[in-house]
Amino acid sequence: VSPEGIGLVTDVTAIQLGWSVLNVTAKFGFILHLQYIKSKYCKTLDATRELYGVNGGPVPAKDPEALHDGDDGGDPDNGGEQKMRTLISETMVSLNMSSHTERFMKLMLDNGIVSTDILER
């Protein structure tokens, strides 16, 4: 369309304006594409880290009595809290809300839900 090609447009200002619009559009599209790829990679990386336990540590219970549900005569719940941590962690990762795992776990412990048995009641 320019004088170097078919020659339909001969106005230099229109050619420069068209070139500018195409250039800005191409660069903007490229930037959006890179941001999309980066966010997709970061989400995958965060989910992988949460799934394999690279981030985060244990949430301390308020008191030692909170580690058992009272049905076993005072003995600590054998792995109940660990099962809860695993269940909550996997659920939050699958919902893509892994940043809220520790807060949700603290809420569960504060409300006396320290094992999957209590959760099922």
Protein backbone atom coordinates (compact mmCIF):
# COMPACT_ATOMS: atom_id res chain seq x y z
CA VAL A 1 0.00 0.00 0.00
CA SER A 2 2.95 2.36 0.49
CA PRO A 3 4.90 4.00 -2.36
CA GLU A 4 7.52 1.23 -2.10
CA GLY A 5 4.84 -1.39 -2.77
CA ILE A 6 1.58 -1.02 -4.67
CA GLY A 7 1.48 2.75 -4.20
CA LEU A 8 -2.15 3.13 -3.08
CA VAL A 9 -1.26 5.51 -0.24
CA THR A 10 1.10 8.35 -1.11
CA ASP A 11 0.59 10.62 1.91
CA VAL A 12 3.71 10.31 4.10
CA THR A 13 1.83 11.25 7.29
CA ALA A 14 -0.77 8.50 6.78
CA ILE A 15 1.97 5.96 6.13
CA GLN A 16 3.86 6.98 9.29
CA LEU A 17 0.65 6.89 11.35
CA GLY A 18 -0.21 3.42 10.04
CA TRP A 19 3.29 2.18 10.76
CA SER A 20 3.10 3.59 14.33
CA VAL A 21 -0.26 1.96 15.04
CA LEU A 22 0.94 -1.42 13.76
CA ASN A 23 4.18 -1.16 15.75
CA VAL A 24 2.43 -0.26 19.02
CA THR A 25 -0.19 -2.98 18.53
CA ALA A 26 2.45 -5.64 17.87
CA LYS A 27 4.55 -4.67 20.89
CA PHE A 28 1.52 -4.45 23.19
CA GLY A 29 0.35 -7.90 22.08
CA PHE A 30 3.82 -9.33 22.67
CA ILE A 31 3.95 -7.86 26.19
CA LEU A 32 0.51 -9.30 27.03
CA HIS A 33 1.59 -12.70 25.74
CA LEU A 34 4.75 -12.67 27.88
CA GLN A 35 2.78 -11.67 30.98
CA TYR A 36 0.31 -14.50 30.37
CA ILE A 37 3.13 -17.04 30.04
CA LYS A 38 4.81 -15.72 33.20
CA SER A 39 1.63 -15.85 35.30
CA LYS A 40 0.86 -19.36 34.06
CA TYR A 41 4.38 -20.49 34.97
CA CYS A 42 4.20 -18.86 38.43
CA LYS A 43 0.86 -20.52 39.20
CA THR A 44 2.25 -23.90 38.18
CA LEU A 45 5.39 -23.34 40.24
CA ASP A 46 3.41 -22.27 43.33
CA ALA A 47 1.08 -25.25 43.04
CA THR A 48 4.04 -27.62 42.69
CA ARG A 49 5.79 -26.12 45.71
CA GLU A 50 2.64 -26.34 47.82
CA LEU A 51 1.92 -29.89 46.70
CA TYR A 52 5.38 -31.14 47.59
CA GLY A 53 5.62 -29.10 50.79
CA VAL A 54 8.51 -26.84 49.82
CA ASN A 55 6.82 -23.74 51.30
CA GLY A 56 5.17 -23.31 54.66
CA GLY A 57 5.70 -24.92 57.98
CA PRO A 58 3.56 -26.44 60.68
CA VAL A 59 0.95 -24.31 62.38
CA PRO A 60 1.44 -24.54 66.15
CA ALA A 61 -1.60 -25.56 68.15
CA LYS A 62 -2.89 -23.26 70.88
CA ASP A 63 -2.28 -25.86 73.55
CA PRO A 64 -1.15 -29.50 73.66
CA GLU A 65 -4.68 -30.66 74.52
CA ALA A 66 -5.85 -29.47 71.08
CA LEU A 67 -3.93 -32.27 69.41
CA HIS A 68 -6.40 -34.98 70.40
CA ASP A 69 -10.16 -35.23 70.06
CA GLY A 70 -10.80 -36.68 73.53
CA ASP A 71 -12.19 -40.04 72.35
CA ASP A 72 -8.97 -41.99 72.89
CA GLY A 73 -8.52 -41.46 76.62
CA GLY A 74 -6.13 -38.51 76.40
CA ASP A 75 -3.58 -40.03 74.02
CA PRO A 76 -2.56 -37.71 71.19
CA ASP A 77 -4.36 -38.26 67.92
CA ASN A 78 -2.13 -40.57 65.90
CA GLY A 79 -1.55 -38.64 62.72
CA GLY A 80 -4.95 -36.92 62.75
CA GLU A 81 -3.49 -33.45 62.58
CA GLN A 82 -1.12 -34.50 59.81
CA LYS A 83 -4.05 -35.93 57.86
CA MET A 84 -5.88 -32.63 58.32
CA ARG A 85 -2.84 -30.68 57.09
CA THR A 86 -2.54 -32.91 54.04
CA LEU A 87 -6.26 -32.72 53.29
CA ILE A 88 -6.39 -28.93 53.63
CA SER A 89 -3.17 -28.43 51.67
CA GLU A 90 -4.28 -30.60 48.75
CA THR A 91 -7.75 -29.03 48.73
CA MET A 92 -6.40 -25.48 48.72
CA VAL A 93 -3.92 -26.30 45.94
CA SER A 94 -6.68 -27.80 43.81
CA LEU A 95 -8.78 -24.65 44.37
CA ASN A 96 -5.74 -22.48 43.50
CA MET A 97 -5.95 -20.84 46.94
CA SER A 98 -2.74 -22.22 48.40
CA SER A 99 -1.80 -18.86 49.89
CA HIS A 100 -4.68 -19.26 52.39
CA THR A 101 -3.69 -22.74 53.62
CA GLU A 102 -2.01 -21.71 56.86
CA ARG A 103 -4.80 -19.28 57.78
CA PHE A 104 -7.47 -21.90 57.12
CA MET A 105 -5.54 -24.50 59.13
CA LYS A 106 -5.28 -22.06 62.05
CA LEU A 107 -9.04 -21.43 61.90
CA MET A 108 -9.72 -25.17 61.96
CA LEU A 109 -7.41 -25.71 64.98
CA ASP A 110 -8.86 -22.70 66.83
CA ASN A 111 -12.36 -24.14 66.41
CA GLY A 112 -11.39 -27.58 67.70
CA ILE A 113 -11.31 -29.41 64.37
CA VAL A 114 -7.98 -31.20 64.70
CA SER A 115 -8.63 -34.51 62.94
CA THR A 116 -10.58 -35.92 60.05
CA ASP A 117 -12.78 -37.83 62.50
CA ILE A 118 -14.03 -34.57 64.02
CA LEU A 119 -14.50 -33.14 60.54
CA GLU A 120 -16.75 -36.05 59.55
CA ARG A 121 -19.12 -35.57 62.52
